[in-house]
All heavy atoms as atom14 arrays in JSON, in Angstrom:
{
  "sequence": "ENWKRSVEEVTGLMLILRDFLRKSIEKANKNNMRV",
  "atom14_mask": [
    [1, 1, 1, 1, 1, 1, 1, 1, 1, 0, 0, 0, 0, 0],
    [1, 1, 1, 1, 1, 1, 1, 1, 0, 0, 0, 0, 0, 0],
    [1, 1, 1, 1, 1, 1, 1, 1, 1, 1, 1, 1, 1, 1],
    [1, 1, 1, 1, 1, 1, 1, 1, 1, 0, 0, 0, 0, 0],
    [1, 1, 1, 1, 1, 1, 1, 1, 1, 1, 1, 0, 0, 0],
    [1, 1, 1, 1, 1, 1, 0, 0, 0, 0, 0, 0, 0, 0],
    [1, 1, 1, 1, 1, 1, 1, 0, 0, 0, 0, 0, 0, 0],
    [1, 1, 1, 1, 1, 1, 1, 1, 1, 0, 0, 0, 0, 0],
    [1, 1, 1, 1, 1, 1, 1, 1, 1, 0, 0, 0, 0, 0],
    [1, 1, 1, 1, 1, 1, 1, 0, 0, 0, 0, 0, 0, 0],
    [1, 1, 1, 1, 1, 1, 1, 0, 0, 0, 0, 0, 0, 0],
    [1, 1, 1, 1, 0, 0, 0, 0, 0, 0, 0, 0, 0, 0],
    [1, 1, 1, 1, 1, 1, 1, 1, 0, 0, 0, 0, 0, 0],
    [1, 1, 1, 1, 1, 1, 1, 1, 0, 0, 0, 0, 0, 0],
    [1, 1, 1, 1, 1, 1, 1, 1, 0, 0, 0, 0, 0, 0],
    [1, 1, 1, 1, 1, 1, 1, 1, 0, 0, 0, 0, 0, 0],
    [1, 1, 1, 1, 1, 1, 1, 1, 0, 0, 0, 0, 0, 0],
    [1, 1, 1, 1, 1, 1, 1, 1, 1, 1, 1, 0, 0, 0],
    [1, 1, 1, 1, 1, 1, 1, 1, 0, 0, 0, 0, 0, 0],
    [1, 1, 1, 1, 1, 1, 1, 1, 1, 1, 1, 0, 0, 0],
    [1, 1, 1, 1, 1, 1, 1, 1, 0, 0, 0, 0, 0, 0],
    [1, 1, 1, 1, 1, 1, 1, 1, 1, 1, 1, 0, 0, 0],
    [1, 1, 1, 1, 1, 1, 1, 1, 1, 0, 0, 0, 0, 0],
    [1, 1, 1, 1, 1, 1, 0, 0, 0, 0, 0, 0, 0, 0],
    [1, 1, 1, 1, 1, 1, 1, 1, 0, 0, 0, 0, 0, 0],
    [1, 1, 1, 1, 1, 1, 1, 1, 1, 0, 0, 0, 0, 0],
    [1, 1, 1, 1, 1, 1, 1, 1, 1, 0, 0, 0, 0, 0],
    [1, 1, 1, 1, 1, 0, 0, 0, 0, 0, 0, 0, 0, 0],
    [1, 1, 1, 1, 1, 1, 1, 1, 0, 0, 0, 0, 0, 0],
    [1, 1, 1, 1, 1, 1, 1, 1, 1, 0, 0, 0, 0, 0],
    [1, 1, 1, 1, 1, 1, 1, 1, 0, 0, 0, 0, 0, 0],
    [1, 1, 1, 1, 1, 1, 1, 1, 0, 0, 0, 0, 0, 0],
    [1, 1, 1, 1, 1, 1, 1, 1, 0, 0, 0, 0, 0, 0],
    [1, 1, 1, 1, 1, 1, 1, 1, 1, 1, 1, 0, 0, 0],
    [1, 1, 1, 1, 1, 1, 1, 0, 0, 0, 0, 0, 0, 0]
  ],
  "atom14_positions": [
    [[-6.58, 12.93, -7.47], [-6.4, 13.13, -8.9], [-5.71, 11.94, -9.58], [-5.75, 11.81, -10.81], [-5.57, 14.4, -9.16], [-6.28, 15.7, -8.81], [-6.34, 15.96, -7.31], [-5.4, 15.56, -6.6], [-7.35, 16.55, -6.86], [0.0, 0.0, 0.0], [0.0, 0.0, 0.0], [0.0, 0.0, 0.0], [0.0, 0.0, 0.0], [0.0, 0.0, 0.0]],
    [[-5.06, 11.07, -8.79], [-4.32, 9.96, -9.4], [-5.21, 8.92, -10.06], [-4.73, 8.08, -10.83], [-3.44, 9.27, -8.34], [-2.21, 10.07, -7.97], [-1.65, 9.9, -6.89], [-1.78, 10.97, -8.85], [0.0, 0.0, 0.0], [0.0, 0.0, 0.0], [0.0, 0.0, 0.0], [0.0, 0.0, 0.0], [0.0, 0.0, 0.0], [0.0, 0.0, 0.0]],
    [[-6.52, 8.97, -9.79], [-7.42, 8.05, -10.47], [-7.46, 8.3, -11.98], [-7.91, 7.44, -12.75], [-8.84, 8.19, -9.91], [-8.98, 7.8, -8.47], [-9.12, 8.64, -7.4], [-8.98, 6.47, -7.91], [-9.21, 7.92, -6.22], [-9.13, 6.58, -6.51], [-8.88, 5.19, -8.48], [-9.18, 5.48, -5.67], [-8.91, 4.09, -7.64], [-9.06, 4.24, -6.25]],
    [[-6.97, 9.46, -12.4], [-6.97, 9.8, -13.82], [-5.91, 9.03, -14.6], [-5.9, 9.05, -15.84], [-6.73, 11.31, -14.01], [-7.79, 12.2, -13.36], [-7.39, 13.66, -13.46], [-8.37, 14.56, -12.72], [-7.94, 16.0, -12.76], [0.0, 0.0, 0.0], [0.0, 0.0, 0.0], [0.0, 0.0, 0.0], [0.0, 0.0, 0.0], [0.0, 0.0, 0.0]],
    [[-5.01, 8.37, -13.89], [-3.96, 7.62, -14.57], [-4.54, 6.38, -15.23], [-5.69, 6.03, -15.03], [-2.86, 7.26, -13.58], [-2.18, 8.47, -12.98], [-1.01, 8.11, -12.11], [-0.36, 9.3, -11.57], [0.78, 9.29, -10.88], [1.39, 8.14, -10.64], [1.3, 10.41, -10.43], [0.0, 0.0, 0.0], [0.0, 0.0, 0.0], [0.0, 0.0, 0.0]],
    [[-3.74, 5.69, -16.02], [-4.23, 4.53, -16.76], [-4.75, 3.45, -15.81], [-4.3, 3.35, -14.66], [-3.11, 3.95, -17.63], [-2.13, 3.32, -16.81], [0.0, 0.0, 0.0], [0.0, 0.0, 0.0], [0.0, 0.0, 0.0], [0.0, 0.0, 0.0], [0.0, 0.0, 0.0], [0.0, 0.0, 0.0], [0.0, 0.0, 0.0], [0.0, 0.0, 0.0]],
    [[-5.68, 2.66, -16.31], [-6.23, 1.56, -15.5], [-5.11, 0.62, -15.08], [-5.08, 0.15, -13.93], [-7.31, 0.8, -16.3], [-7.75, -0.44, -15.54], [-8.5, 1.7, -16.59], [0.0, 0.0, 0.0], [0.0, 0.0, 0.0], [0.0, 0.0, 0.0], [0.0, 0.0, 0.0], [0.0, 0.0, 0.0], [0.0, 0.0, 0.0], [0.0, 0.0, 0.0]],
    [[-4.18, 0.36, -15.97], [-3.07, -0.54, -15.66], [-2.24, -0.01, -14.5], [-1.89, -0.76, -13.57], [-2.19, -0.71, -16.89], [-0.98, -1.63, -16.66], [-0.07, -1.71, -17.87], [-0.24, -0.88, -18.81], [0.81, -2.58, -17.88], [0.0, 0.0, 0.0], [0.0, 0.0, 0.0], [0.0, 0.0, 0.0], [0.0, 0.0, 0.0], [0.0, 0.0, 0.0]],
    [[-1.94, 1.3, -14.53], [-1.11, 1.87, -13.47], [-1.86, 1.9, -12.14], [-1.3, 1.54, -11.09], [-0.65, 3.28, -13.84], [0.28, 3.88, -12.8], [0.91, 5.2, -13.24], [0.69, 5.62, -14.39], [1.62, 5.8, -12.42], [0.0, 0.0, 0.0], [0.0, 0.0, 0.0], [0.0, 0.0, 0.0], [0.0, 0.0, 0.0], [0.0, 0.0, 0.0]],
    [[-3.12, 2.31, -12.16], [-3.9, 2.36, -10.92], [-4.06, 0.97, -10.32], [-3.92, 0.77, -9.12], [-5.28, 3.01, -11.16], [-6.17, 2.86, -9.93], [-5.12, 4.49, -11.51], [0.0, 0.0, 0.0], [0.0, 0.0, 0.0], [0.0, 0.0, 0.0], [0.0, 0.0, 0.0], [0.0, 0.0, 0.0], [0.0, 0.0, 0.0], [0.0, 0.0, 0.0]],
    [[-4.34, -0.02, -11.17], [-4.47, -1.4, -10.69], [-3.17, -1.87, -10.06], [-3.17, -2.49, -8.98], [-4.84, -2.34, -11.86], [-6.09, -1.92, -12.42], [-4.97, -3.78, -11.37], [0.0, 0.0, 0.0], [0.0, 0.0, 0.0], [0.0, 0.0, 0.0], [0.0, 0.0, 0.0], [0.0, 0.0, 0.0], [0.0, 0.0, 0.0], [0.0, 0.0, 0.0]],
    [[-2.05, -1.55, -10.69], [-0.75, -1.91, -10.13], [-0.48, -1.22, -8.81], [0.04, -1.84, -7.86], [0.0, 0.0, 0.0], [0.0, 0.0, 0.0], [0.0, 0.0, 0.0], [0.0, 0.0, 0.0], [0.0, 0.0, 0.0], [0.0, 0.0, 0.0], [0.0, 0.0, 0.0], [0.0, 0.0, 0.0], [0.0, 0.0, 0.0], [0.0, 0.0, 0.0]],
    [[-0.85, 0.04, -8.72], [-0.66, 0.79, -7.47], [-1.47, 0.18, -6.33], [-1.01, 0.09, -5.2], [-1.06, 2.25, -7.67], [-0.03, 3.14, -8.37], [-0.67, 4.44, -8.84], [1.14, 3.43, -7.44], [0.0, 0.0, 0.0], [0.0, 0.0, 0.0], [0.0, 0.0, 0.0], [0.0, 0.0, 0.0], [0.0, 0.0, 0.0], [0.0, 0.0, 0.0]],
    [[-2.69, -0.25, -6.64], [-3.53, -0.85, -5.6], [-2.98, -2.19, -5.14], [-3.07, -2.55, -3.96], [-4.97, -1.0, -6.1], [-5.69, 0.33, -6.29], [-5.82, 1.29, -4.75], [-5.27, 2.91, -5.32], [0.0, 0.0, 0.0], [0.0, 0.0, 0.0], [0.0, 0.0, 0.0], [0.0, 0.0, 0.0], [0.0, 0.0, 0.0], [0.0, 0.0, 0.0]],
    [[-2.38, -2.96, -6.06], [-1.74, -4.21, -5.67], [-0.54, -3.95, -4.75], [-0.35, -4.65, -3.75], [-1.29, -4.98, -6.92], [-2.4, -5.61, -7.76], [-1.81, -6.19, -9.05], [-3.12, -6.7, -6.97], [0.0, 0.0, 0.0], [0.0, 0.0, 0.0], [0.0, 0.0, 0.0], [0.0, 0.0, 0.0], [0.0, 0.0, 0.0], [0.0, 0.0, 0.0]],
    [[0.23, -2.93, -5.09], [1.38, -2.56, -4.25], [0.89, -2.09, -2.88], [1.48, -2.42, -1.84], [2.21, -1.47, -4.95], [2.88, -2.04, -6.2], [3.25, -0.89, -3.99], [3.49, -0.99, -7.12], [0.0, 0.0, 0.0], [0.0, 0.0, 0.0], [0.0, 0.0, 0.0], [0.0, 0.0, 0.0], [0.0, 0.0, 0.0], [0.0, 0.0, 0.0]],
    [[-0.2, -1.33, -2.87], [-0.78, -0.85, -1.61], [-1.22, -2.02, -0.74], [-0.97, -2.03, 0.47], [-1.95, 0.08, -1.89], [-2.77, 0.53, -0.69], [-1.9, 1.33, 0.28], [-3.97, 1.35, -1.14], [0.0, 0.0, 0.0], [0.0, 0.0, 0.0], [0.0, 0.0, 0.0], [0.0, 0.0, 0.0], [0.0, 0.0, 0.0], [0.0, 0.0, 0.0]],
    [[-1.89, -2.98, -1.34], [-2.34, -4.14, -0.57], [-1.16, -4.85, 0.09], [-1.21, -5.24, 1.25], [-3.09, -5.11, -1.48], [-4.5, -4.65, -1.87], [-5.17, -5.67, -2.79], [-6.58, -5.36, -2.99], [-7.06, -4.62, -3.97], [-6.23, -4.11, -4.88], [-8.36, -4.4, -4.08], [0.0, 0.0, 0.0], [0.0, 0.0, 0.0], [0.0, 0.0, 0.0]],
    [[-0.1, -5.02, -0.68], [1.1, -5.69, -0.15], [1.72, -4.88, 0.97], [2.14, -5.43, 2.0], [2.1, -5.9, -1.29], [3.33, -6.67, -0.85], [3.18, -7.81, -0.37], [4.44, -6.12, -0.99], [0.0, 0.0, 0.0], [0.0, 0.0, 0.0], [0.0, 0.0, 0.0], [0.0, 0.0, 0.0], [0.0, 0.0, 0.0], [0.0, 0.0, 0.0]],
    [[1.77, -3.56, 0.79], [2.35, -2.67, 1.8], [1.54, -2.74, 3.09], [2.11, -2.84, 4.19], [2.38, -1.24, 1.28], [3.01, -0.26, 2.21], [4.39, -0.08, 2.23], [2.24, 0.5, 3.1], [4.98, 0.82, 3.12], [2.81, 1.39, 3.97], [4.2, 1.55, 3.98], [0.0, 0.0, 0.0], [0.0, 0.0, 0.0], [0.0, 0.0, 0.0]],
    [[0.23, -2.69, 2.99], [-0.63, -2.74, 4.18], [-0.48, -4.09, 4.89], [-0.42, -4.14, 6.13], [-2.09, -2.52, 3.79], [-2.46, -1.12, 3.29], [-3.87, -1.11, 2.72], [-2.32, -0.09, 4.4], [0.0, 0.0, 0.0], [0.0, 0.0, 0.0], [0.0, 0.0, 0.0], [0.0, 0.0, 0.0], [0.0, 0.0, 0.0], [0.0, 0.0, 0.0]],
    [[-0.38, -5.16, 4.11], [-0.25, -6.49, 4.7], [1.04, -6.61, 5.51], [1.05, -7.12, 6.64], [-0.27, -7.55, 3.59], [-0.09, -8.98, 4.09], [-0.06, -9.95, 2.92], [0.98, -9.63, 1.97], [2.27, -9.94, 2.15], [2.67, -10.55, 3.26], [3.16, -9.62, 1.23], [0.0, 0.0, 0.0], [0.0, 0.0, 0.0], [0.0, 0.0, 0.0]],
    [[2.14, -6.12, 4.95], [3.43, -6.23, 5.63], [3.56, -5.24, 6.78], [4.35, -5.46, 7.7], [4.57, -5.99, 4.63], [4.69, -7.07, 3.57], [5.97, -6.88, 2.75], [5.96, -5.6, 1.97], [7.16, -5.47, 1.1], [0.0, 0.0, 0.0], [0.0, 0.0, 0.0], [0.0, 0.0, 0.0], [0.0, 0.0, 0.0], [0.0, 0.0, 0.0]],
    [[2.78, -4.16, 6.73], [2.95, -3.08, 7.71], [2.54, -3.48, 9.13], [3.08, -2.94, 10.09], [2.16, -1.84, 7.28], [2.77, -1.23, 6.16], [0.0, 0.0, 0.0], [0.0, 0.0, 0.0], [0.0, 0.0, 0.0], [0.0, 0.0, 0.0], [0.0, 0.0, 0.0], [0.0, 0.0, 0.0], [0.0, 0.0, 0.0], [0.0, 0.0, 0.0]],
    [[1.59, -4.39, 9.27], [1.16, -4.77, 10.62], [2.32, -5.36, 11.4], [2.6, -4.95, 12.54], [-0.02, -5.76, 10.56], [-1.28, -5.04, 10.04], [-0.28, -6.37, 11.93], [-2.5, -5.93, 9.93], [0.0, 0.0, 0.0], [0.0, 0.0, 0.0], [0.0, 0.0, 0.0], [0.0, 0.0, 0.0], [0.0, 0.0, 0.0], [0.0, 0.0, 0.0]],
    [[3.02, -6.32, 10.8], [4.15, -6.94, 11.48], [5.27, -5.93, 11.71], [5.83, -5.85, 12.8], [4.68, -8.11, 10.66], [5.86, -8.82, 11.31], [6.38, -9.98, 10.48], [5.74, -10.33, 9.48], [7.43, -10.54, 10.86], [0.0, 0.0, 0.0], [0.0, 0.0, 0.0], [0.0, 0.0, 0.0], [0.0, 0.0, 0.0], [0.0, 0.0, 0.0]],
    [[5.58, -5.15, 10.68], [6.67, -4.19, 10.8], [6.35, -3.1, 11.82], [7.21, -2.67, 12.59], [6.96, -3.55, 9.44], [7.69, -4.47, 8.47], [7.99, -3.75, 7.18], [8.85, -4.61, 6.26], [10.22, -4.8, 6.78], [0.0, 0.0, 0.0], [0.0, 0.0, 0.0], [0.0, 0.0, 0.0], [0.0, 0.0, 0.0], [0.0, 0.0, 0.0]],
    [[5.1, -2.65, 11.82], [4.71, -1.57, 12.73], [4.83, -2.0, 14.18], [5.35, -1.26, 15.03], [3.28, -1.12, 12.43], [0.0, 0.0, 0.0], [0.0, 0.0, 0.0], [0.0, 0.0, 0.0], [0.0, 0.0, 0.0], [0.0, 0.0, 0.0], [0.0, 0.0, 0.0], [0.0, 0.0, 0.0], [0.0, 0.0, 0.0], [0.0, 0.0, 0.0]],
    [[4.35, -3.19, 14.49], [4.43, -3.66, 15.88], [5.87, -3.97, 16.28], [6.26, -3.74, 17.42], [3.53, -4.87, 16.07], [2.06, -4.48, 16.13], [1.72, -3.4, 16.6], [1.18, -5.35, 15.64], [0.0, 0.0, 0.0], [0.0, 0.0, 0.0], [0.0, 0.0, 0.0], [0.0, 0.0, 0.0], [0.0, 0.0, 0.0], [0.0, 0.0, 0.0]],
    [[6.65, -4.46, 15.35], [8.06, -4.73, 15.63], [8.8, -3.44, 15.95], [9.66, -3.4, 16.83], [8.7, -5.42, 14.42], [10.19, -5.69, 14.59], [10.77, -6.31, 13.32], [12.27, -6.49, 13.45], [12.84, -7.07, 12.2], [0.0, 0.0, 0.0], [0.0, 0.0, 0.0], [0.0, 0.0, 0.0], [0.0, 0.0, 0.0], [0.0, 0.0, 0.0]],
    [[8.45, -2.37, 15.23], [9.15, -1.08, 15.39], [8.39, -0.08, 16.27], [8.75, 1.09, 16.32], [9.41, -0.47, 14.01], [10.31, -1.33, 13.15], [11.28, -1.88, 13.63], [9.97, -1.46, 11.88], [0.0, 0.0, 0.0], [0.0, 0.0, 0.0], [0.0, 0.0, 0.0], [0.0, 0.0, 0.0], [0.0, 0.0, 0.0], [0.0, 0.0, 0.0]],
    [[7.31, -0.54, 16.92], [6.53, 0.32, 17.81], [5.97, 1.54, 17.07], [5.91, 2.65, 17.61], [7.38, 0.77, 19.02], [6.55, 1.38, 20.13], [5.37, 1.07, 20.3], [7.15, 2.28, 20.89], [0.0, 0.0, 0.0], [0.0, 0.0, 0.0], [0.0, 0.0, 0.0], [0.0, 0.0, 0.0], [0.0, 0.0, 0.0], [0.0, 0.0, 0.0]],
    [[5.56, 1.35, 15.83], [5.09, 2.45, 14.97], [3.57, 2.49, 14.92], [2.93, 1.45, 14.77], [5.65, 2.25, 13.56], [5.14, 3.25, 12.53], [5.92, 3.02, 10.91], [5.2, 1.45, 10.39], [0.0, 0.0, 0.0], [0.0, 0.0, 0.0], [0.0, 0.0, 0.0], [0.0, 0.0, 0.0], [0.0, 0.0, 0.0], [0.0, 0.0, 0.0]],
    [[3.03, 3.67, 15.04], [1.59, 3.85, 14.86], [1.32, 4.3, 13.43], [1.99, 5.21, 12.92], [1.04, 4.89, 15.83], [-0.48, 5.06, 15.69], [-1.04, 6.09, 16.65], [-2.49, 6.21, 16.47], [-3.25, 7.1, 17.12], [-2.71, 7.93, 17.99], [-4.56, 7.15, 16.9], [0.0, 0.0, 0.0], [0.0, 0.0, 0.0], [0.0, 0.0, 0.0]],
    [[0.35, 3.68, 12.79], [0.02, 4.01, 11.41], [-1.4, 4.56, 11.33], [-2.32, 4.0, 11.93], [0.13, 2.77, 10.49], [-0.11, 3.17, 9.03], [1.51, 2.12, 10.63], [0.0, 0.0, 0.0], [0.0, 0.0, 0.0], [0.0, 0.0, 0.0], [0.0, 0.0, 0.0], [0.0, 0.0, 0.0], [0.0, 0.0, 0.0], [0.0, 0.0, 0.0]]
  ]
}
């Protein structure tokens, strides 16, 4: 349902998601975390 939010907010959320996914590989392996 979150796609109903403004284009600006959804675009910002996707940028944050991309950054989170990028950083998660290093952090996950460092902390032995499965994602």
